[in-house]
Amino acid sequence: MDAWIAAFRNSCAGLIFAVRTERAVRQEVLALIVVIPAALIIGQTLWIKIALICVVLLLMAVELLNTCIEKLCDHVTPAIHPQIKVVKDMGSAAVLAALLIVASVWMAAIAQTLGLV
């Protein structure tokens, strides 16, 4: 149990650091604050409400992993390096894919709520 508590504290510390230092993470936390009540209104079933919230959490997870990759790359070599650029670009592409998932799920839920599908 102590290991779980320590892991939870470390996770909270990492999230707090990311919120303090990364604009994209702050934007996604703000989005999560907005989407929770919106999901409760828009979602027609419990599963849709959960999906609307979870896709934003997924986006945050991908963003945090991308931030980790970027910080590690910058630590390994602060100089501009073509292979490091490719690694960072792939991390950014992962965030883009997560954003497309978020947009798709939200658009489908809104379309369903409006009776368009």
N, C-alpha and C. Protein backbone atom coordinates (compact mmCIF):
# COMPACT_ATOMS: atom_id res chain seq x y z
N MET A 1 0.82 -1.20 0.00
CA MET A 1 0.00 0.00 0.00
C MET A 1 0.86 1.26 0.00
N ASP A 2 1.98 1.22 0.71
CA ASP A 2 2.87 2.38 0.75
C ASP A 2 3.41 2.72 -0.64
N ALA A 3 3.68 1.67 -1.42
CA ALA A 3 4.19 1.90 -2.78
C ALA A 3 3.14 2.61 -3.63
N TRP A 4 1.86 2.25 -3.45
CA TRP A 4 0.79 2.90 -4.21
C TRP A 4 0.67 4.36 -3.82
N ILE A 5 0.78 4.63 -2.54
CA ILE A 5 0.69 6.01 -2.07
C ILE A 5 1.86 6.82 -2.61
N ALA A 6 3.05 6.25 -2.58
CA ALA A 6 4.23 6.94 -3.11
C ALA A 6 4.08 7.18 -4.62
N ALA A 7 3.56 6.19 -5.34
CA ALA A 7 3.36 6.34 -6.78
C ALA A 7 2.34 7.44 -7.07
N PHE A 8 1.27 7.48 -6.26
CA PHE A 8 0.26 8.52 -6.44
C PHE A 8 0.85 9.90 -6.18
N ARG A 9 1.64 10.03 -5.13
CA ARG A 9 2.29 11.31 -4.82
C ARG A 9 3.23 11.73 -5.95
N ASN A 10 4.00 10.79 -6.47
CA ASN A 10 4.91 11.11 -7.58
C ASN A 10 4.13 11.54 -8.81
N SER A 11 3.01 10.88 -9.08
CA SER A 11 2.18 11.26 -10.22
C SER A 11 1.62 12.67 -10.05
N CYS A 12 1.17 12.97 -8.84
CA CYS A 12 0.65 14.32 -8.57
C CYS A 12 1.75 15.36 -8.73
N ALA A 13 2.94 15.05 -8.24
CA ALA A 13 4.07 15.98 -8.37
C ALA A 13 4.40 16.22 -9.84
N GLY A 14 4.36 15.16 -10.65
CA GLY A 14 4.62 15.31 -12.07
C GLY A 14 3.56 16.15 -12.76
N LEU A 15 2.30 15.93 -12.41
CA LEU A 15 1.22 16.71 -13.00
C LEU A 15 1.32 18.17 -12.60
N ILE A 16 1.61 18.43 -11.34
CA ILE A 16 1.75 19.81 -10.87
C ILE A 16 2.90 20.50 -11.60
N PHE A 17 4.02 19.81 -11.77
CA PHE A 17 5.16 20.39 -12.49
C PHE A 17 4.77 20.70 -13.94
N ALA A 18 4.07 19.76 -14.57
CA ALA A 18 3.67 19.96 -15.97
C ALA A 18 2.70 21.14 -16.10
N VAL A 19 1.77 21.26 -15.17
CA VAL A 19 0.82 22.38 -15.22
C VAL A 19 1.56 23.70 -15.04
N ARG A 20 2.54 23.72 -14.17
CA ARG A 20 3.29 24.96 -13.91
C ARG A 20 4.19 25.36 -15.06
N THR A 21 4.68 24.38 -15.83
CA THR A 21 5.72 24.68 -16.82
C THR A 21 5.29 24.53 -18.27
N GLU A 22 4.16 23.89 -18.53
CA GLU A 22 3.77 23.60 -19.91
C GLU A 22 2.41 24.22 -20.24
N ARG A 23 2.41 25.12 -21.19
CA ARG A 23 1.18 25.80 -21.61
C ARG A 23 0.15 24.82 -22.13
N ALA A 24 0.57 23.85 -22.93
CA ALA A 24 -0.37 22.89 -23.52
C ALA A 24 -1.07 22.07 -22.42
N VAL A 25 -0.35 21.71 -21.38
CA VAL A 25 -0.95 20.95 -20.28
C VAL A 25 -1.96 21.83 -19.54
N ARG A 26 -1.61 23.09 -19.34
CA ARG A 26 -2.57 24.00 -18.68
C ARG A 26 -3.84 24.13 -19.51
N GLN A 27 -3.69 24.22 -20.83
CA GLN A 27 -4.85 24.32 -21.71
C GLN A 27 -5.72 23.07 -21.62
N GLU A 28 -5.09 21.92 -21.53
CA GLU A 28 -5.85 20.68 -21.47
C GLU A 28 -6.52 20.49 -20.11
N VAL A 29 -5.90 20.95 -19.05
CA VAL A 29 -6.55 20.91 -17.73
C VAL A 29 -7.77 21.82 -17.75
N LEU A 30 -7.62 23.00 -18.33
CA LEU A 30 -8.76 23.91 -18.46
C LEU A 30 -9.86 23.27 -19.31
N ALA A 31 -9.48 22.63 -20.40
CA ALA A 31 -10.45 21.95 -21.25
C ALA A 31 -11.18 20.86 -20.46
N LEU A 32 -10.45 20.13 -19.64
CA LEU A 32 -11.07 19.08 -18.83
C LEU A 32 -12.09 19.67 -17.86
N ILE A 33 -11.77 20.81 -17.27
CA ILE A 33 -12.70 21.47 -16.35
C ILE A 33 -13.98 21.88 -17.08
N VAL A 34 -13.83 22.29 -18.34
CA VAL A 34 -14.99 22.70 -19.14
C VAL A 34 -15.77 21.48 -19.64
N VAL A 35 -15.06 20.44 -20.06
CA VAL A 35 -15.76 19.31 -20.69
C VAL A 35 -16.49 18.42 -19.71
N ILE A 36 -16.09 18.40 -18.46
CA ILE A 36 -16.80 17.53 -17.51
C ILE A 36 -18.27 17.91 -17.41
N PRO A 37 -18.60 19.18 -17.11
CA PRO A 37 -20.03 19.50 -17.09
C PRO A 37 -20.68 19.40 -18.47
N ALA A 38 -19.93 19.76 -19.52
CA ALA A 38 -20.49 19.67 -20.87
C ALA A 38 -20.81 18.22 -21.22
N ALA A 39 -19.94 17.30 -20.83
CA ALA A 39 -20.18 15.87 -21.10
C ALA A 39 -21.42 15.38 -20.38
N LEU A 40 -21.64 15.87 -19.17
CA LEU A 40 -22.81 15.46 -18.41
C LEU A 40 -24.10 15.97 -19.05
N ILE A 41 -24.01 17.08 -19.76
CA ILE A 41 -25.18 17.64 -20.44
C ILE A 41 -25.37 16.99 -21.81
N ILE A 42 -24.30 16.86 -22.57
CA ILE A 42 -24.38 16.38 -23.95
C ILE A 42 -24.58 14.87 -24.03
N GLY A 43 -23.87 14.13 -23.18
CA GLY A 43 -23.93 12.67 -23.26
C GLY A 43 -25.33 12.14 -22.96
N GLN A 44 -25.83 11.32 -23.86
CA GLN A 44 -27.18 10.79 -23.68
C GLN A 44 -27.20 9.55 -22.80
N THR A 45 -26.08 8.85 -22.72
CA THR A 45 -25.98 7.68 -21.85
C THR A 45 -24.75 7.81 -20.98
N LEU A 46 -24.69 6.98 -19.96
CA LEU A 46 -23.53 7.00 -19.07
C LEU A 46 -22.24 6.74 -19.84
N TRP A 47 -22.27 5.78 -20.77
CA TRP A 47 -21.07 5.44 -21.53
C TRP A 47 -20.60 6.60 -22.41
N ILE A 48 -21.51 7.33 -22.98
CA ILE A 48 -21.12 8.48 -23.80
C ILE A 48 -20.51 9.56 -22.91
N LYS A 49 -21.11 9.80 -21.75
CA LYS A 49 -20.55 10.79 -20.82
C LYS A 49 -19.13 10.40 -20.42
N ILE A 50 -18.94 9.13 -20.11
CA ILE A 50 -17.61 8.64 -19.72
C ILE A 50 -16.64 8.79 -20.89
N ALA A 51 -17.07 8.43 -22.09
CA ALA A 51 -16.20 8.52 -23.27
C ALA A 51 -15.78 9.96 -23.54
N LEU A 52 -16.72 10.90 -23.41
CA LEU A 52 -16.40 12.31 -23.66
C LEU A 52 -15.34 12.82 -22.69
N ILE A 53 -15.42 12.40 -21.46
CA ILE A 53 -14.43 12.82 -20.46
C ILE A 53 -13.11 12.07 -20.68
N CYS A 54 -13.20 10.77 -20.94
CA CYS A 54 -11.98 9.96 -21.06
C CYS A 54 -11.14 10.31 -22.28
N VAL A 55 -11.77 10.74 -23.38
CA VAL A 55 -10.94 11.10 -24.54
C VAL A 55 -10.10 12.33 -24.23
N VAL A 56 -10.59 13.23 -23.40
CA VAL A 56 -9.79 14.40 -23.01
C VAL A 56 -8.68 13.96 -22.06
N LEU A 57 -8.98 13.01 -21.18
CA LEU A 57 -7.92 12.46 -20.32
C LEU A 57 -6.85 11.74 -21.15
N LEU A 58 -7.29 11.05 -22.20
CA LEU A 58 -6.35 10.41 -23.12
C LEU A 58 -5.45 11.45 -23.77
N LEU A 59 -6.04 12.54 -24.22
CA LEU A 59 -5.26 13.64 -24.81
C LEU A 59 -4.23 14.15 -23.81
N MET A 60 -4.64 14.32 -22.56
CA MET A 60 -3.69 14.79 -21.54
C MET A 60 -2.56 13.79 -21.34
N ALA A 61 -2.88 12.51 -21.35
CA ALA A 61 -1.84 11.48 -21.18
C ALA A 61 -0.84 11.54 -22.33
N VAL A 62 -1.34 11.66 -23.55
CA VAL A 62 -0.44 11.74 -24.71
C VAL A 62 0.40 13.01 -24.64
N GLU A 63 -0.21 14.12 -24.26
CA GLU A 63 0.53 15.39 -24.13
C GLU A 63 1.62 15.27 -23.07
N LEU A 64 1.31 14.64 -21.95
CA LEU A 64 2.33 14.47 -20.90
C LEU A 64 3.47 13.59 -21.39
N LEU A 65 3.16 12.52 -22.11
CA LEU A 65 4.22 11.67 -22.66
C LEU A 65 5.06 12.43 -23.69
N ASN A 66 4.41 13.23 -24.53
CA ASN A 66 5.13 14.04 -25.51
C ASN A 66 6.05 15.04 -24.80
N THR A 67 5.56 15.63 -23.72
CA THR A 67 6.37 16.58 -22.95
C THR A 67 7.59 15.87 -22.36
N CYS A 68 7.38 14.66 -21.86
CA CYS A 68 8.50 13.88 -21.32
C CYS A 68 9.56 13.62 -22.39
N ILE A 69 9.10 13.22 -23.57
CA ILE A 69 10.03 12.95 -24.67
C ILE A 69 10.81 14.21 -25.01
N GLU A 70 10.12 15.34 -25.11
CA GLU A 70 10.80 16.59 -25.46
C GLU A 70 11.81 17.00 -24.40
N LYS A 71 11.44 16.88 -23.14
CA LYS A 71 12.36 17.27 -22.06
C LYS A 71 13.57 16.34 -22.03
N LEU A 72 13.35 15.05 -22.25
CA LEU A 72 14.45 14.10 -22.29
C LEU A 72 15.38 14.40 -23.47
N CYS A 73 14.80 14.68 -24.63
CA CYS A 73 15.61 15.03 -25.80
C CYS A 73 16.45 16.27 -25.54
N ASP A 74 15.83 17.27 -24.93
CA ASP A 74 16.57 18.51 -24.63
C ASP A 74 17.67 18.27 -23.61
N HIS A 75 17.44 17.32 -22.71
CA HIS A 75 18.47 17.00 -21.72
C HIS A 75 19.65 16.28 -22.38
N VAL A 76 19.34 15.37 -23.30
CA VAL A 76 20.39 14.60 -23.98
C VAL A 76 21.26 15.51 -24.82
N THR A 77 20.63 16.38 -25.58
CA THR A 77 21.38 17.32 -26.40
C THR A 77 20.57 18.60 -26.57
N PRO A 78 20.98 19.67 -25.89
CA PRO A 78 20.25 20.93 -26.05
C PRO A 78 20.44 21.56 -27.44
N ALA A 79 21.46 21.12 -28.16
CA ALA A 79 21.70 21.64 -29.51
C ALA A 79 20.66 21.07 -30.47
N ILE A 80 20.42 21.81 -31.55
CA ILE A 80 19.49 21.33 -32.57
C ILE A 80 20.14 20.15 -33.28
N HIS A 81 19.39 19.04 -33.34
CA HIS A 81 19.89 17.82 -33.94
C HIS A 81 18.79 17.24 -34.84
N PRO A 82 19.12 16.88 -36.09
CA PRO A 82 18.08 16.44 -37.02
C PRO A 82 17.31 15.20 -36.53
N GLN A 83 17.99 14.24 -35.92
CA GLN A 83 17.29 13.05 -35.45
C GLN A 83 16.41 13.35 -34.24
N ILE A 84 16.86 14.24 -33.38
CA ILE A 84 16.05 14.65 -32.23
C ILE A 84 14.80 15.38 -32.72
N LYS A 85 14.95 16.19 -33.77
CA LYS A 85 13.80 16.89 -34.34
C LYS A 85 12.75 15.89 -34.81
N VAL A 86 13.18 14.82 -35.45
CA VAL A 86 12.25 13.80 -35.94
C VAL A 86 11.52 13.15 -34.76
N VAL A 87 12.24 12.86 -33.69
CA VAL A 87 11.63 12.26 -32.50
C VAL A 87 10.57 13.20 -31.91
N LYS A 88 10.93 14.47 -31.79
CA LYS A 88 9.98 15.46 -31.25
C LYS A 88 8.77 15.61 -32.18
N ASP A 89 9.00 15.59 -33.49
CA ASP A 89 7.90 15.70 -34.45
C ASP A 89 6.95 14.50 -34.34
N MET A 90 7.49 13.32 -34.10
CA MET A 90 6.64 12.14 -33.94
C MET A 90 5.80 12.25 -32.66
N GLY A 91 6.38 12.78 -31.60
CA GLY A 91 5.61 13.01 -30.39
C GLY A 91 4.49 14.00 -30.64
N SER A 92 4.78 15.04 -31.39
CA SER A 92 3.77 16.02 -31.75
C SER A 92 2.67 15.39 -32.61
N ALA A 93 3.05 14.49 -33.49
CA ALA A 93 2.06 13.79 -34.32
C ALA A 93 1.14 12.92 -33.46
N ALA A 94 1.68 12.35 -32.40
CA ALA A 94 0.85 11.56 -31.48
C ALA A 94 -0.19 12.45 -30.80
N VAL A 95 0.21 13.66 -30.43
CA VAL A 95 -0.75 14.61 -29.83
C VAL A 95 -1.81 14.97 -30.86
N LEU A 96 -1.41 15.19 -32.10
CA LEU A 96 -2.38 15.50 -33.15
C LEU A 96 -3.38 14.36 -33.33
N ALA A 97 -2.90 13.13 -33.32
CA ALA A 97 -3.80 11.98 -33.45
C ALA A 97 -4.79 11.94 -32.29
N ALA A 98 -4.31 12.21 -31.08
CA ALA A 98 -5.20 12.24 -29.92
C ALA A 98 -6.23 13.36 -30.05
N LEU A 99 -5.81 14.51 -30.55
CA LEU A 99 -6.75 15.62 -30.77
C LEU A 99 -7.83 15.24 -31.78
N LEU A 100 -7.46 14.51 -32.82
CA LEU A 100 -8.44 14.07 -33.82
C LEU A 100 -9.43 13.08 -33.20
N ILE A 101 -8.95 12.24 -32.29
CA ILE A 101 -9.85 11.31 -31.59
C ILE A 101 -10.84 12.11 -30.74
N VAL A 102 -10.33 13.10 -30.00
CA VAL A 102 -11.20 13.94 -29.16
C VAL A 102 -12.26 14.62 -30.03
N ALA A 103 -11.83 15.24 -31.11
CA ALA A 103 -12.77 15.95 -31.99
C ALA A 103 -13.81 15.00 -32.56
N SER A 104 -13.41 13.81 -32.98
CA SER A 104 -14.34 12.85 -33.57
C SER A 104 -15.40 12.40 -32.56
N VAL A 105 -14.95 12.07 -31.36
CA VAL A 105 -15.90 11.59 -30.34
C VAL A 105 -16.86 12.70 -29.95
N TRP A 106 -16.33 13.91 -29.74
CA TRP A 106 -17.20 15.03 -29.35
C TRP A 106 -18.18 15.40 -30.46
N MET A 107 -17.72 15.42 -31.71
CA MET A 107 -18.62 15.76 -32.81
C MET A 107 -19.72 14.70 -32.95
N ALA A 108 -19.37 13.43 -32.78
CA ALA A 108 -20.38 12.38 -32.86
C ALA A 108 -21.41 12.51 -31.75
N ALA A 109 -20.95 12.80 -30.54
CA ALA A 109 -21.88 12.95 -29.41
C ALA A 109 -22.80 14.16 -29.59
N ILE A 110 -22.23 15.26 -30.09
CA ILE A 110 -23.04 16.46 -30.31
C ILE A 110 -24.05 16.21 -31.42
N ALA A 111 -23.61 15.56 -32.50
CA ALA A 111 -24.52 15.24 -33.61
C ALA A 111 -25.66 14.35 -33.13
N GLN A 112 -25.34 13.38 -32.29
CA GLN A 112 -26.38 12.51 -31.75
C GLN A 112 -27.35 13.27 -30.87
N THR A 113 -26.82 14.15 -30.03
CA THR A 113 -27.67 14.95 -29.14
C THR A 113 -28.61 15.85 -29.95
N LEU A 114 -28.12 16.38 -31.05
CA LEU A 114 -28.93 17.27 -31.89
C LEU A 114 -29.84 16.49 -32.85
N GLY A 115 -29.76 15.17 -32.82
CA GLY A 115 -30.61 14.36 -33.68
C GLY A 115 -30.17 14.33 -35.13
N LEU A 116 -28.90 14.62 -35.37
CA LEU A 116 -28.40 14.65 -36.74
C LEU A 116 -27.99 13.26 -37.22
N VAL A 117 -27.86 12.31 -36.32
CA VAL A 117 -27.50 10.93 -36.70
C VAL A 117 -28.44 9.96 -36.02
